[in-house]
Amino acid sequence: MKKKDPTGKRPYRMQARAQSTAATKEKVLDSAEAALDEHPGEEPTLSAIADRAGVTVQTILRHFGSKQALLVAAIGRLGARMRSDRDRAPVGDVKGAVGILVDHYETYGDRILRMLANEGKDPVLHVLVDLGRAYHQEWCEHVFAPALTGLHAAKRERRISQLVAITDIYFWKLLRRDRDLSLPQTKRAMRELLDPLIEGDR
């Protein structure tokens, strides 16, 4: 039979330990994400991540089990943050949706482009990028659902492909990085291509 802690400090110590563990894991994930971002296409070493986080390699392995598991967790956390950002887009509101999407690309776009450029070098990255592509199509089908209602199969598939292409990150890159359009002009250019698909003849 376990003895009770007469001081009542045991639950407090356990809670403090749990909070410390969670904070350490977040710090390690931040370090892994930063390392991936700084050296796209190169898998960072555990030593480099540990040094940046101010912990030991053994601490990382204790929390995550392996370097691969850590990198998957870091990229997965980033993906969840990106989804949360884009999921705020209003359904059926082209201007509102484009505003959120383009602002999202302004924040994450260059990082996503680096991931796309290096997906062939890393099987895990390739899987995660494919999940991102699938999510983008789901996002388009959800946000532009009113424009897809009632379309026959072939036309619906063609319309989805058009919506996916116009809102794709490479189109944002073409407008912002290659053509050097301003942020407002980029949003307007995207809307001008989307509006006929949303409001045009069905």
C-alpha atoms as a PDB file:
ATOM      1  CA  MET A   1       0.000   0.000   0.000  1.00  0.00           C
ATOM      2  CA  LYS A   2       1.393   3.406  -1.068  1.00  0.00           C
ATOM      3  CA  LYS A   3       1.942   6.006   1.601  1.00  0.00           C
ATOM      4  CA  LYS A   4       0.214   9.328   1.174  1.00  0.00           C
ATOM      5  CA  ASP A   5       2.340  12.416   0.841  1.00  0.00           C
ATOM      6  CA  PRO A   6       1.516  14.343   4.043  1.00  0.00           C
ATOM      7  CA  THR A   7       2.905  17.569   2.597  1.00  0.00           C
ATOM      8  CA  GLY A   8       0.698  17.484  -0.496  1.00  0.00           C
ATOM      9  CA  LYS A   9       3.712  18.369  -2.617  1.00  0.00           C
ATOM     10  CA  ARG A  10       3.786  15.222  -4.763  1.00  0.00           C
ATOM     11  CA  PRO A  11       0.966  16.265  -7.166  1.00  0.00           C
ATOM     12  CA  TYR A  12       2.582  19.690  -7.500  1.00  0.00           C
ATOM     13  CA  ARG A  13       5.964  18.172  -8.324  1.00  0.00           C
ATOM     14  CA  MET A  14       4.382  15.848 -10.888  1.00  0.00           C
ATOM     15  CA  GLN A  15       2.565  18.741 -12.518  1.00  0.00           C
ATOM     16  CA  ALA A  16       5.734  20.834 -12.606  1.00  0.00           C
ATOM     17  CA  ARG A  17       7.649  17.916 -14.137  1.00  0.00           C
ATOM     18  CA  ALA A  18       4.977  17.436 -16.806  1.00  0.00           C
ATOM     19  CA  GLN A  19       5.065  21.135 -17.679  1.00  0.00           C
ATOM     20  CA  SER A  20       8.851  21.072 -17.878  1.00  0.00           C
ATOM     21  CA  THR A  21       8.741  18.020 -20.164  1.00  0.00           C
ATOM     22  CA  ALA A  22       6.193  19.675 -22.455  1.00  0.00           C
ATOM     23  CA  ALA A  23       8.247  22.863 -22.617  1.00  0.00           C
ATOM     24  CA  THR A  24      11.399  20.906 -23.486  1.00  0.00           C
ATOM     25  CA  LYS A  25       9.605  19.030 -26.279  1.00  0.00           C
ATOM     26  CA  GLU A  26       8.302  22.287 -27.744  1.00  0.00           C
ATOM     27  CA  LYS A  27      11.788  23.799 -27.607  1.00  0.00           C
ATOM     28  CA  VAL A  28      13.237  20.781 -29.409  1.00  0.00           C
ATOM     29  CA  LEU A  29      10.480  20.911 -32.042  1.00  0.00           C
ATOM     30  CA  ASP A  30      11.146  24.624 -32.561  1.00  0.00           C
ATOM     31  CA  SER A  31      14.836  23.855 -33.057  1.00  0.00           C
ATOM     32  CA  ALA A  32      14.156  21.024 -35.497  1.00  0.00           C
ATOM     33  CA  GLU A  33      11.776  23.184 -37.512  1.00  0.00           C
ATOM     34  CA  ALA A  34      14.293  26.035 -37.656  1.00  0.00           C
ATOM     35  CA  ALA A  35      17.080  23.658 -38.717  1.00  0.00           C
ATOM     36  CA  LEU A  36      14.933  22.231 -41.506  1.00  0.00           C
ATOM     37  CA  ASP A  37      14.034  25.717 -42.664  1.00  0.00           C
ATOM     38  CA  GLU A  38      17.619  26.975 -42.691  1.00  0.00           C
ATOM     39  CA  HIS A  39      19.025  24.024 -44.628  1.00  0.00           C
ATOM     40  CA  PRO A  40      16.321  22.759 -47.023  1.00  0.00           C
ATOM     41  CA  GLY A  41      17.159  19.413 -48.559  1.00  0.00           C
ATOM     42  CA  GLU A  42      19.683  18.628 -45.849  1.00  0.00           C
ATOM     43  CA  GLU A  43      18.672  16.505 -42.891  1.00  0.00           C
ATOM     44  CA  PRO A  44      19.947  18.245 -39.740  1.00  0.00           C
ATOM     45  CA  THR A  45      21.935  16.244 -37.221  1.00  0.00           C
ATOM     46  CA  LEU A  46      20.615  15.538 -33.759  1.00  0.00           C
ATOM     47  CA  SER A  47      23.666  17.274 -32.343  1.00  0.00           C
ATOM     48  CA  ALA A  48      22.856  20.481 -34.225  1.00  0.00           C
ATOM     49  CA  ILE A  49      19.230  20.387 -33.063  1.00  0.00           C
ATOM     50  CA  ALA A  50      20.272  19.624 -29.479  1.00  0.00           C
ATOM     51  CA  ASP A  51      22.788  22.489 -29.424  1.00  0.00           C
ATOM     52  CA  ARG A  52      20.197  24.930 -30.730  1.00  0.00           C
ATOM     53  CA  ALA A  53      17.642  23.782 -28.144  1.00  0.00           C
ATOM     54  CA  GLY A  54      20.148  23.777 -25.293  1.00  0.00           C
ATOM     55  CA  VAL A  55      19.589  20.093 -24.476  1.00  0.00           C
ATOM     56  CA  THR A  56      21.483  16.848 -24.969  1.00  0.00           C
ATOM     57  CA  VAL A  57      21.020  14.325 -27.748  1.00  0.00           C
ATOM     58  CA  GLN A  58      19.967  11.821 -25.079  1.00  0.00           C
ATOM     59  CA  THR A  59      17.163  14.169 -24.026  1.00  0.00           C
ATOM     60  CA  ILE A  60      15.870  14.326 -27.591  1.00  0.00           C
ATOM     61  CA  LEU A  61      15.963  10.558 -27.952  1.00  0.00           C
ATOM     62  CA  ARG A  62      14.189  10.132 -24.627  1.00  0.00           C
ATOM     63  CA  HIS A  63      11.344  12.373 -25.776  1.00  0.00           C
ATOM     64  CA  PHE A  64      11.048  11.334 -29.431  1.00  0.00           C
ATOM     65  CA  GLY A  65      12.776   7.959 -29.810  1.00  0.00           C
ATOM     66  CA  SER A  66      14.665   8.760 -33.019  1.00  0.00           C
ATOM     67  CA  LYS A  67      15.706  11.610 -35.276  1.00  0.00           C
ATOM     68  CA  GLN A  68      13.198  10.573 -37.931  1.00  0.00           C
ATOM     69  CA  ALA A  69      10.358  10.614 -35.414  1.00  0.00           C
ATOM     70  CA  LEU A  70      11.433  14.078 -34.297  1.00  0.00           C
ATOM     71  CA  LEU A  71      11.512  15.448 -37.857  1.00  0.00           C
ATOM     72  CA  VAL A  72       8.112  13.939 -38.647  1.00  0.00           C
ATOM     73  CA  ALA A  73       6.713  15.522 -35.471  1.00  0.00           C
ATOM     74  CA  ALA A  74       8.224  18.910 -36.332  1.00  0.00           C
ATOM     75  CA  ILE A  75       6.879  18.933 -39.883  1.00  0.00           C
ATOM     76  CA  GLY A  76       3.530  17.573 -38.687  1.00  0.00           C
ATOM     77  CA  ARG A  77       3.229  20.381 -36.134  1.00  0.00           C
ATOM     78  CA  LEU A  78       4.003  22.931 -38.834  1.00  0.00           C
ATOM     79  CA  GLY A  79       1.370  21.348 -41.079  1.00  0.00           C
ATOM     80  CA  ALA A  80      -1.252  21.546 -38.336  1.00  0.00           C
ATOM     81  CA  ARG A  81      -0.454  25.221 -37.824  1.00  0.00           C
ATOM     82  CA  MET A  82      -0.807  25.855 -41.547  1.00  0.00           C
ATOM     83  CA  ARG A  83      -4.151  24.048 -41.715  1.00  0.00           C
ATOM     84  CA  SER A  84      -5.486  26.016 -38.764  1.00  0.00           C
ATOM     85  CA  ASP A  85      -4.482  29.219 -40.520  1.00  0.00           C
ATOM     86  CA  ARG A  86      -6.206  28.343 -43.789  1.00  0.00           C
ATOM     87  CA  ASP A  87      -9.287  26.777 -42.228  1.00  0.00           C
ATOM     88  CA  ARG A  88     -10.472  30.262 -41.262  1.00  0.00           C
ATOM     89  CA  ALA A  89     -11.412  30.907 -44.901  1.00  0.00           C
ATOM     90  CA  PRO A  90     -15.164  31.595 -45.270  1.00  0.00           C
ATOM     91  CA  VAL A  91     -17.201  29.295 -47.516  1.00  0.00           C
ATOM     92  CA  GLY A  92     -18.594  30.969 -50.640  1.00  0.00           C
ATOM     93  CA  ASP A  93     -16.777  34.279 -50.050  1.00  0.00           C
ATOM     94  CA  VAL A  94     -14.144  34.594 -52.782  1.00  0.00           C
ATOM     95  CA  LYS A  95     -12.675  37.857 -51.537  1.00  0.00           C
ATOM     96  CA  GLY A  96     -12.438  36.637 -47.946  1.00  0.00           C
ATOM     97  CA  ALA A  97     -11.010  33.244 -48.920  1.00  0.00           C
ATOM     98  CA  VAL A  98      -8.412  34.708 -51.283  1.00  0.00           C
ATOM     99  CA  GLY A  99      -7.384  37.237 -48.654  1.00  0.00           C
ATOM    100  CA  ILE A 100      -6.715  34.499 -46.089  1.00  0.00           C
ATOM    101  CA  LEU A 101      -5.019  32.236 -48.649  1.00  0.00           C
ATOM    102  CA  VAL A 102      -2.633  34.870 -49.994  1.00  0.00           C
ATOM    103  CA  ASP A 103      -1.782  36.075 -46.483  1.00  0.00           C
ATOM    104  CA  HIS A 104      -1.080  32.437 -45.627  1.00  0.00           C
ATOM    105  CA  TYR A 105       1.290  32.145 -48.596  1.00  0.00           C
ATOM    106  CA  GLU A 106       2.980  35.383 -47.516  1.00  0.00           C
ATOM    107  CA  THR A 107       3.764  33.743 -44.169  1.00  0.00           C
ATOM    108  CA  TYR A 108       4.578  30.187 -45.237  1.00  0.00           C
ATOM    109  CA  GLY A 109       5.003  30.324 -49.011  1.00  0.00           C
ATOM    110  CA  ASP A 110       8.789  30.383 -49.321  1.00  0.00           C
ATOM    111  CA  ARG A 111       9.082  27.585 -46.766  1.00  0.00           C
ATOM    112  CA  ILE A 112       6.512  25.473 -48.656  1.00  0.00           C
ATOM    113  CA  LEU A 113       8.319  26.079 -51.938  1.00  0.00           C
ATOM    114  CA  ARG A 114      11.571  24.842 -50.399  1.00  0.00           C
ATOM    115  CA  MET A 115       9.797  21.709 -49.200  1.00  0.00           C
ATOM    116  CA  LEU A 116       8.378  21.124 -52.681  1.00  0.00           C
ATOM    117  CA  ALA A 117      11.803  21.591 -54.243  1.00  0.00           C
ATOM    118  CA  ASN A 118      13.333  18.992 -51.939  1.00  0.00           C
ATOM    119  CA  GLU A 119      10.575  16.381 -51.665  1.00  0.00           C
ATOM    120  CA  GLY A 120      12.432  14.030 -54.015  1.00  0.00           C
ATOM    121  CA  LYS A 121      15.357  13.830 -51.596  1.00  0.00           C
ATOM    122  CA  ASP A 122      13.359  12.740 -48.553  1.00  0.00           C
ATOM    123  CA  PRO A 123      10.614  10.055 -48.572  1.00  0.00           C
ATOM    124  CA  VAL A 124       9.022  11.451 -45.412  1.00  0.00           C
ATOM    125  CA  LEU A 125       8.951  14.953 -46.863  1.00  0.00           C
ATOM    126  CA  HIS A 126       7.431  13.549 -50.058  1.00  0.00           C
ATOM    127  CA  VAL A 127       4.579  11.946 -48.108  1.00  0.00           C
ATOM    128  CA  LEU A 128       3.920  15.141 -46.179  1.00  0.00           C
ATOM    129  CA  VAL A 129       3.956  17.248 -49.343  1.00  0.00           C
ATOM    130  CA  ASP A 130       1.470  14.853 -50.950  1.00  0.00           C
ATOM    131  CA  LEU A 131      -0.778  15.274 -47.916  1.00  0.00           C
ATOM    132  CA  GLY A 132      -0.504  19.025 -48.453  1.00  0.00           C
ATOM    133  CA  ARG A 133      -1.618  18.671 -52.072  1.00  0.00           C
ATOM    134  CA  ALA A 134      -4.604  16.579 -51.017  1.00  0.00           C
ATOM    135  CA  TYR A 135      -5.496  19.145 -48.363  1.00  0.00           C
ATOM    136  CA  HIS A 136      -5.350  21.981 -50.907  1.00  0.00           C
ATOM    137  CA  GLN A 137      -7.895  20.232 -53.118  1.00  0.00           C
ATOM    138  CA  GLU A 138     -10.145  19.504 -50.125  1.00  0.00           C
ATOM    139  CA  TRP A 139      -9.853  23.164 -49.126  1.00  0.00           C
ATOM    140  CA  CYS A 140     -10.932  24.285 -52.600  1.00  0.00           C
ATOM    141  CA  GLU A 141     -13.869  21.879 -52.666  1.00  0.00           C
ATOM    142  CA  HIS A 142     -14.988  23.130 -49.251  1.00  0.00           C
ATOM    143  CA  VAL A 143     -14.447  26.865 -49.667  1.00  0.00           C
ATOM    144  CA  PHE A 144     -15.882  27.014 -53.193  1.00  0.00           C
ATOM    145  CA  ALA A 145     -18.596  24.404 -52.590  1.00  0.00           C
ATOM    146  CA  PRO A 146     -21.475  26.665 -53.751  1.00  0.00           C
ATOM    147  CA  ALA A 147     -19.844  26.949 -57.196  1.00  0.00           C
ATOM    148  CA  LEU A 148     -19.628  23.158 -57.497  1.00  0.00           C
ATOM    149  CA  THR A 149     -23.189  22.322 -56.526  1.00  0.00           C
ATOM    150  CA  GLY A 150     -25.195  20.729 -59.320  1.00  0.00           C
ATOM    151  CA  LEU A 151     -22.343  20.340 -61.799  1.00  0.00           C
ATOM    152  CA  HIS A 152     -22.200  17.049 -63.672  1.00  0.00           C
ATOM    153  CA  ALA A 153     -19.184  14.834 -62.982  1.00  0.00           C
ATOM    154  CA  ALA A 154     -16.882  15.900 -65.832  1.00  0.00           C
ATOM    155  CA  LYS A 155     -17.583  19.621 -65.445  1.00  0.00           C
ATOM    156  CA  ARG A 156     -17.211  19.405 -61.657  1.00  0.00           C
ATOM    157  CA  GLU A 157     -13.830  17.712 -61.992  1.00  0.00           C
ATOM    158  CA  ARG A 158     -12.702  20.329 -64.508  1.00  0.00           C
ATOM    159  CA  ARG A 159     -13.924  23.148 -62.274  1.00  0.00           C
ATOM    160  CA  ILE A 160     -12.108  21.736 -59.232  1.00  0.00           C
ATOM    161  CA  SER A 161      -8.911  21.507 -61.280  1.00  0.00           C
ATOM    162  CA  GLN A 162      -9.288  25.156 -62.300  1.00  0.00           C
ATOM    163  CA  LEU A 163      -9.871  26.279 -58.710  1.00  0.00           C
ATOM    164  CA  VAL A 164      -6.907  24.250 -57.470  1.00  0.00           C
ATOM    165  CA  ALA A 165      -4.615  25.702 -60.161  1.00  0.00           C
ATOM    166  CA  ILE A 166      -5.603  29.345 -59.644  1.00  0.00           C
ATOM    167  CA  THR A 167      -5.131  29.124 -55.878  1.00  0.00           C
ATOM    168  CA  ASP A 168      -1.976  26.992 -56.016  1.00  0.00           C
ATOM    169  CA  ILE A 169       1.191  28.215 -54.339  1.00  0.00           C
ATOM    170  CA  TYR A 170       3.050  28.227 -57.670  1.00  0.00           C
ATOM    171  CA  PHE A 171       0.529  30.734 -59.021  1.00  0.00           C
ATOM    172  CA  TRP A 172       1.154  32.913 -55.945  1.00  0.00           C
ATOM    173  CA  LYS A 173       4.904  32.556 -56.631  1.00  0.00           C
ATOM    174  CA  LEU A 174       4.420  33.584 -60.264  1.00  0.00           C
ATOM    175  CA  LEU A 175       2.514  36.708 -59.288  1.00  0.00           C
ATOM    176  CA  ARG A 176       4.528  37.753 -56.210  1.00  0.00           C
ATOM    177  CA  ARG A 177       8.045  36.508 -56.818  1.00  0.00           C
ATOM    178  CA  ASP A 178       8.343  36.279 -60.612  1.00  0.00           C
ATOM    179  CA  ARG A 179       6.048  39.158 -61.688  1.00  0.00           C
ATOM    180  CA  ASP A 180       6.649  41.236 -58.537  1.00  0.00           C
ATOM    181  CA  LEU A 181       3.013  42.223 -58.088  1.00  0.00           C
ATOM    182  CA  SER A 182       2.077  43.953 -54.858  1.00  0.00           C
ATOM    183  CA  LEU A 183       0.077  42.078 -52.247  1.00  0.00           C
ATOM    184  CA  PRO A 184      -3.229  43.837 -53.079  1.00  0.00           C
ATOM    185  CA  GLN A 185      -2.651  43.331 -56.815  1.00  0.00           C
ATOM    186  CA  THR A 186      -1.913  39.643 -56.265  1.00  0.00           C
ATOM    187  CA  LYS A 187      -5.171  39.173 -54.388  1.00  0.00           C
ATOM    188  CA  ARG A 188      -7.077  41.052 -57.061  1.00  0.00           C
ATOM    189  CA  ALA A 189      -5.480  39.076 -59.899  1.00  0.00           C
ATOM    190  CA  MET A 190      -6.449  35.801 -58.237  1.00  0.00           C
ATOM    191  CA  ARG A 191     -10.011  36.983 -57.615  1.00  0.00           C
ATOM    192  CA  GLU A 192     -10.396  38.157 -61.228  1.00  0.00           C
ATOM    193  CA  LEU A 193      -9.668  34.627 -62.430  1.00  0.00           C
ATOM    194  CA  LEU A 194     -11.864  32.987 -59.814  1.00  0.00           C
ATOM    195  CA  ASP A 195     -14.928  35.221 -60.142  1.00  0.00           C
ATOM    196  CA  PRO A 196     -15.997  33.988 -63.615  1.00  0.00           C
ATOM    197  CA  LEU A 197     -15.782  30.390 -62.376  1.00  0.00           C
ATOM    198  CA  ILE A 198     -17.868  31.166 -59.299  1.00  0.00           C
ATOM    199  CA  GLU A 199     -20.413  33.464 -60.903  1.00  0.00           C
ATOM    200  CA  GLY A 200     -20.325  32.361 -64.540  1.00  0.00           C
ATOM    201  CA  ASP A 201     -22.747  30.174 -66.429  1.00  0.00           C
ATOM    202  CA  ARG A 202     -23.114  26.675 -65.091  1.00  0.00           C
END
